[in-house]
Amino acid sequence: MSGWKDWERDYGGRQPRRERFVSLSFEEVPALVDGGNVDERIGFPGAYPYTRGIHATGYRGKLWTIRQFAGFAGVADTNERFRKLLAEGQHGLSVAFDMPTLMGYDSDDAIALGEVGHCGVAIDSADDMAGLFEAIPLGDVSVSMTINGPAVILFAFLLVAAEEQGVDWKNLRGTLQNDILKEYIAQKEWVFPPERRSLQRPRPWFRIGRPRGRPAVSPWVLRRGRLRPCQAGRLRCGGPPGPQDVCAADQNEQRQAEKIGDLLRDNEADRAQE
């Protein structure tokens, strides 16, 4: 029962966003559906193994950061778009980079011809990054960057932009996606082949510099590359996936596939009888 008491204490110590939470049928939704009878393999919200989220209140205390993946043309155009999104109530920014930037090329490289500013913003220097966030206080806004191959370089540009704004690096928030393995397995846009060291490069700095952000990987794209849920999850937690990785999500997928197969066979049988 200690887990239950710990959860009650943590939940009670946070202010919910509203007094009541109801379903689409206007039935009240309890804070914890299964009460104190919780499988230890699942755990409580805000407690190890965090299968029910990292916050004791779930999203009753605070909604997740909502941001539109945005970036196009030049720095000034994207900056204007960012400021509009923030003015409309967006909570953070998610930067979309163009293909030359994602592949580590400058905009004036011959191979970048016709791709500059398409599907994302072109960033070639620290000055570009500073312009991208002009009049946007980096100490107050969470920034996500999906950049992968040149992640360390683009993150260094962001640090320079913060420094020029007078923002302490420790106050930076957001995520830095430096998932080379995802690029190699699923996205097929890798700059260099994956190595364990390349995936871990920013982590020591995050421990020392202590910004309020983190490097990140993208399990959902790995899933598109045919990894099972637990294999993608193992990668996110820092371990190599193996064929032995089987979890409830995998078993659920298999059950769904079996049900679909049964339905198809029943349908064929009905057709044959007709």
Protein backbone atom coordinates (compact mmCIF):
# COMPACT_ATOMS: atom_id res chain seq x y z
CA MET A 1 0.00 0.00 0.00
CA SER A 2 3.02 2.31 0.24
CA GLY A 3 2.79 2.96 -3.50
CA TRP A 4 -0.84 3.98 -3.12
CA LYS A 5 -0.06 6.35 -0.23
CA ASP A 6 2.89 7.86 -2.11
CA TRP A 7 0.70 8.46 -5.14
CA GLU A 8 -2.08 10.01 -3.03
CA ARG A 9 0.45 12.35 -1.43
CA ASP A 10 1.99 13.37 -4.76
CA TYR A 11 -1.40 13.77 -6.45
CA GLY A 12 -2.82 15.80 -3.58
CA GLY A 13 0.18 18.11 -3.57
CA ARG A 14 -0.51 19.37 -7.12
CA GLN A 15 -3.22 21.71 -8.30
CA PRO A 16 -5.42 20.21 -11.07
CA ARG A 17 -6.40 22.31 -14.08
CA ARG A 18 -10.10 22.03 -13.24
CA GLU A 19 -12.31 20.78 -10.44
CA ARG A 20 -13.97 17.92 -12.35
CA PHE A 21 -12.90 15.71 -15.24
CA VAL A 22 -15.69 13.99 -17.15
CA SER A 23 -16.02 11.64 -20.12
CA LEU A 24 -17.86 12.43 -23.36
CA SER A 25 -20.92 11.02 -21.61
CA PHE A 26 -20.45 13.52 -18.76
CA GLU A 27 -19.60 10.75 -16.34
CA GLU A 28 -16.99 11.69 -13.78
CA VAL A 29 -13.59 10.10 -14.41
CA PRO A 30 -11.76 9.02 -11.25
CA ALA A 31 -8.17 10.09 -10.75
CA LEU A 32 -7.05 6.47 -10.62
CA VAL A 33 -9.37 3.90 -12.17
CA ASP A 34 -8.02 0.79 -10.46
CA GLY A 35 -7.79 2.31 -6.98
CA GLY A 36 -5.14 0.75 -4.78
CA ASN A 37 -5.17 -2.58 -6.65
CA VAL A 38 -2.26 -1.81 -9.01
CA ASP A 39 -0.08 -4.41 -10.70
CA GLU A 40 3.51 -3.65 -9.64
CA ARG A 41 4.66 -4.27 -13.22
CA ILE A 42 2.49 -1.32 -14.26
CA GLY A 43 2.98 0.91 -11.23
CA PHE A 44 1.38 4.21 -10.30
CA PRO A 45 1.38 7.43 -12.34
CA GLY A 46 4.56 9.36 -11.64
CA ALA A 47 6.38 6.30 -10.28
CA TYR A 48 8.70 3.62 -11.66
CA PRO A 49 8.45 2.03 -14.23
CA TYR A 50 6.54 5.12 -15.51
CA THR A 51 4.21 3.13 -17.77
CA ARG A 52 1.45 5.54 -16.72
CA GLY A 53 3.45 8.71 -17.28
CA ILE A 54 6.02 10.69 -15.35
CA HIS A 55 3.55 12.90 -13.46
CA ALA A 56 1.36 11.74 -10.56
CA THR A 57 -1.49 13.85 -11.95
CA GLY A 58 -1.08 12.65 -15.54
CA TYR A 59 -2.24 15.62 -17.59
CA ARG A 60 -4.74 16.81 -15.00
CA GLY A 61 -2.15 19.18 -13.56
CA LYS A 62 -0.67 20.48 -16.81
CA LEU A 63 -1.26 19.68 -20.45
CA TRP A 64 1.58 18.40 -22.59
CA THR A 65 3.47 20.98 -24.64
CA ILE A 66 1.54 21.67 -27.83
CA ARG A 67 3.60 22.81 -30.80
CA GLN A 68 3.27 22.84 -34.55
CA PHE A 69 6.21 21.49 -36.55
CA ALA A 70 7.11 24.66 -38.46
CA GLY A 71 9.86 26.01 -40.68
CA PHE A 72 10.08 27.19 -44.29
CA ALA A 73 12.01 29.49 -46.62
CA GLY A 74 14.43 31.80 -44.82
CA VAL A 75 15.09 32.72 -41.20
CA ALA A 76 12.90 35.86 -41.26
CA ASP A 77 9.89 34.00 -42.68
CA THR A 78 10.08 31.24 -40.08
CA ASN A 79 10.66 33.73 -37.25
CA GLU A 80 7.47 35.54 -38.27
CA ARG A 81 5.62 32.21 -38.28
CA PHE A 82 6.99 31.29 -34.84
CA ARG A 83 5.87 34.61 -33.34
CA LYS A 84 2.40 34.20 -34.81
CA LEU A 85 2.08 30.69 -33.37
CA LEU A 86 3.14 31.88 -29.92
CA ALA A 87 0.73 34.82 -30.13
CA GLU A 88 -2.07 32.35 -30.94
CA GLY A 89 -1.36 30.42 -27.74
CA GLN A 90 1.15 27.74 -28.73
CA HIS A 91 3.21 26.57 -25.75
CA GLY A 92 6.53 25.83 -27.45
CA LEU A 93 8.33 25.70 -30.79
CA SER A 94 9.29 22.75 -32.97
CA VAL A 95 11.80 23.61 -35.69
CA ALA A 96 11.53 21.99 -39.13
CA PHE A 97 14.84 22.21 -41.01
CA ASP A 98 15.27 21.95 -44.78
CA MET A 99 17.00 18.95 -46.35
CA PRO A 100 20.43 20.58 -46.88
CA THR A 101 20.54 21.53 -43.18
CA LEU A 102 19.42 18.03 -42.15
CA MET A 103 22.15 16.51 -44.31
CA GLY A 104 24.85 18.91 -43.11
CA TYR A 105 25.20 21.04 -46.27
CA ASP A 106 25.39 24.81 -46.55
CA SER A 107 22.71 26.52 -48.63
CA ASP A 108 25.28 27.62 -51.25
CA ASP A 109 26.56 24.08 -51.83
CA ALA A 110 25.88 22.86 -55.38
CA ILE A 111 24.12 19.74 -54.08
CA ALA A 112 21.60 21.94 -52.21
CA LEU A 113 20.29 23.56 -55.41
CA GLY A 114 16.48 23.53 -55.46
CA GLU A 115 16.14 22.27 -51.88
CA VAL A 116 16.97 25.37 -49.83
CA GLY A 117 14.01 26.43 -47.69
CA HIS A 118 11.80 23.58 -48.93
CA CYS A 119 10.05 21.55 -46.21
CA GLY A 120 11.92 23.49 -43.55
CA VAL A 121 14.07 26.49 -42.72
CA ALA A 122 17.66 26.86 -43.92
CA ILE A 123 20.19 27.31 -41.09
CA ASP A 124 23.85 27.71 -42.06
CA SER A 125 25.37 29.56 -39.11
CA ALA A 126 24.99 30.73 -35.52
CA ASP A 127 23.84 34.10 -36.91
CA ASP A 128 20.99 32.31 -38.70
CA MET A 129 19.95 30.64 -35.46
CA ALA A 130 20.03 33.95 -33.60
CA GLY A 131 17.81 35.47 -36.31
CA LEU A 132 15.44 32.51 -36.13
CA PHE A 133 14.65 33.34 -32.50
CA GLU A 134 14.82 37.11 -32.71
CA ALA A 135 12.28 38.68 -30.30
CA ILE A 136 11.51 35.18 -28.94
CA PRO A 137 12.81 34.78 -25.35
CA LEU A 138 14.60 31.43 -25.31
CA GLY A 139 14.49 31.36 -21.52
CA ASP A 140 10.69 31.24 -21.59
CA VAL A 141 9.91 29.08 -24.64
CA SER A 142 10.51 25.35 -25.00
CA VAL A 143 12.28 24.50 -28.28
CA SER A 144 12.29 21.12 -30.02
CA MET A 145 14.74 20.49 -32.86
CA THR A 146 14.41 17.45 -35.15
CA ILE A 147 17.89 17.50 -36.65
CA ASN A 148 19.68 14.16 -36.02
CA GLY A 149 22.94 14.05 -38.06
CA PRO A 150 24.22 17.60 -37.43
CA ALA A 151 22.43 17.81 -34.04
CA VAL A 152 25.52 18.78 -32.04
CA ILE A 153 26.36 21.64 -34.44
CA LEU A 154 22.81 23.02 -34.54
CA PHE A 155 22.55 22.76 -30.78
CA ALA A 156 25.78 24.75 -30.44
CA PHE A 157 24.17 27.41 -32.67
CA LEU A 158 21.19 27.48 -30.28
CA LEU A 159 23.50 27.99 -27.31
CA VAL A 160 25.06 30.96 -29.08
CA ALA A 161 21.60 32.42 -29.77
CA ALA A 162 20.69 32.03 -26.09
CA GLU A 163 23.96 33.63 -25.03
CA GLU A 164 23.33 36.62 -27.29
CA GLN A 165 19.91 37.05 -25.64
CA GLY A 166 21.54 36.94 -22.21
CA VAL A 167 19.78 33.68 -21.35
CA ASP A 168 21.57 31.29 -19.01
CA TRP A 169 22.01 27.88 -20.68
CA LYS A 170 20.55 26.27 -17.57
CA ASN A 171 17.21 27.89 -18.38
CA LEU A 172 16.92 26.39 -21.87
CA ARG A 173 14.06 23.90 -22.27
CA GLY A 174 13.13 21.45 -25.00
CA THR A 175 14.39 18.40 -26.86
CA LEU A 176 17.22 17.73 -29.28
CA GLN A 177 16.48 14.78 -31.55
CA ASN A 178 19.83 13.22 -32.44
CA ASP A 179 18.52 9.80 -33.42
CA ILE A 180 20.91 8.48 -36.08
CA LEU A 181 19.62 4.92 -35.70
CA LYS A 182 16.09 6.06 -36.57
CA GLU A 183 17.43 7.86 -39.63
CA TYR A 184 19.31 4.72 -40.70
CA ILE A 185 16.56 2.15 -40.05
CA ALA A 186 13.35 4.01 -40.94
CA GLN A 187 13.91 7.47 -42.39
CA LYS A 188 16.68 6.47 -44.84
CA GLU A 189 18.24 9.96 -44.60
CA TRP A 190 21.33 9.21 -42.58
CA VAL A 191 24.44 11.40 -42.75
CA PHE A 192 26.75 8.76 -41.28
CA PRO A 193 26.15 5.16 -40.14
CA PRO A 194 24.95 4.72 -36.56
CA GLU A 195 27.40 4.21 -33.73
CA ARG A 196 26.70 4.03 -30.04
CA ARG A 197 29.01 6.98 -29.44
CA SER A 198 27.24 9.17 -31.98
CA LEU A 199 23.90 8.60 -30.22
CA GLN A 200 25.37 9.48 -26.82
CA ARG A 201 27.56 12.45 -27.71
CA PRO A 202 25.38 15.24 -26.25
CA ARG A 203 24.54 13.41 -23.01
CA PRO A 204 27.68 14.28 -20.99
CA TRP A 205 27.20 17.96 -21.82
CA PHE A 206 23.55 17.82 -20.75
CA ARG A 207 24.69 16.52 -17.38
CA ILE A 208 27.38 19.21 -16.98
CA GLY A 209 25.70 22.20 -18.65
CA ARG A 210 22.35 21.27 -17.08
CA PRO A 211 19.86 22.87 -19.45
CA ARG A 212 16.24 21.97 -18.73
CA GLY A 213 16.07 19.89 -21.89
CA ARG A 214 17.33 16.54 -23.14
CA PRO A 215 18.53 14.69 -26.21
CA ALA A 216 15.82 12.50 -27.69
CA VAL A 217 15.15 9.53 -29.95
CA SER A 218 12.00 8.80 -31.96
CA PRO A 219 10.51 5.36 -31.22
CA TRP A 220 7.40 5.92 -33.35
CA VAL A 221 9.53 6.29 -36.49
CA LEU A 222 11.43 3.16 -35.48
CA ARG A 223 8.05 1.43 -35.31
CA ARG A 224 7.48 2.45 -38.93
CA GLY A 225 10.81 0.76 -39.63
CA ARG A 226 9.29 -2.55 -38.38
CA LEU A 227 10.64 -2.59 -34.83
CA ARG A 228 8.24 -3.96 -32.25
CA PRO A 229 7.05 -1.61 -29.45
CA CYS A 230 9.36 -3.09 -26.83
CA GLN A 231 12.37 -3.02 -29.16
CA ALA A 232 11.78 0.67 -29.88
CA GLY A 233 11.25 1.30 -26.17
CA ARG A 234 14.49 -0.52 -25.30
CA LEU A 235 16.38 1.74 -27.70
CA ARG A 236 14.83 4.82 -26.16
CA CYS A 237 15.97 3.68 -22.72
CA GLY A 238 19.51 3.16 -23.97
CA GLY A 239 19.77 -0.59 -24.60
CA PRO A 240 20.06 -2.66 -27.77
CA PRO A 241 16.84 -4.38 -28.84
CA GLY A 242 16.71 -8.15 -29.02
CA PRO A 243 14.31 -10.83 -30.27
CA GLN A 244 13.46 -11.60 -26.64
CA ASP A 245 11.84 -8.19 -26.16
CA VAL A 246 8.14 -8.94 -25.88
CA CYS A 247 5.66 -6.84 -23.96
CA ALA A 248 1.91 -6.35 -23.60
CA ALA A 249 1.85 -4.04 -26.65
CA ASP A 250 3.45 -6.76 -28.79
CA GLN A 251 1.01 -9.36 -27.50
CA ASN A 252 -1.91 -7.00 -28.09
CA GLU A 253 -0.79 -6.47 -31.70
CA GLN A 254 -0.59 -10.21 -32.19
CA ARG A 255 -4.08 -10.72 -30.73
CA GLN A 256 -5.46 -8.02 -33.01
CA ALA A 257 -3.82 -9.66 -36.03
CA GLU A 258 -5.30 -13.04 -35.01
CA LYS A 259 -8.77 -11.47 -34.66
CA ILE A 260 -8.50 -9.88 -38.10
CA GLY A 261 -7.41 -13.23 -39.51
CA ASP A 262 -10.37 -14.96 -37.87
CA LEU A 263 -12.77 -12.35 -39.27
CA LEU A 264 -11.34 -12.75 -42.77
CA ARG A 265 -11.65 -16.54 -42.58
CA ASP A 266 -15.25 -16.28 -41.31
CA ASN A 267 -16.04 -13.89 -44.15
CA GLU A 268 -14.59 -16.31 -46.70
CA ALA A 269 -16.59 -19.16 -45.15
CA ASP A 270 -19.84 -17.13 -45.37
CA ARG A 271 -19.13 -16.33 -49.01
CA ALA A 272 -18.53 -19.99 -49.79
CA GLN A 273 -21.88 -20.94 -48.23
CA GLU A 274 -23.69 -18.29 -50.26
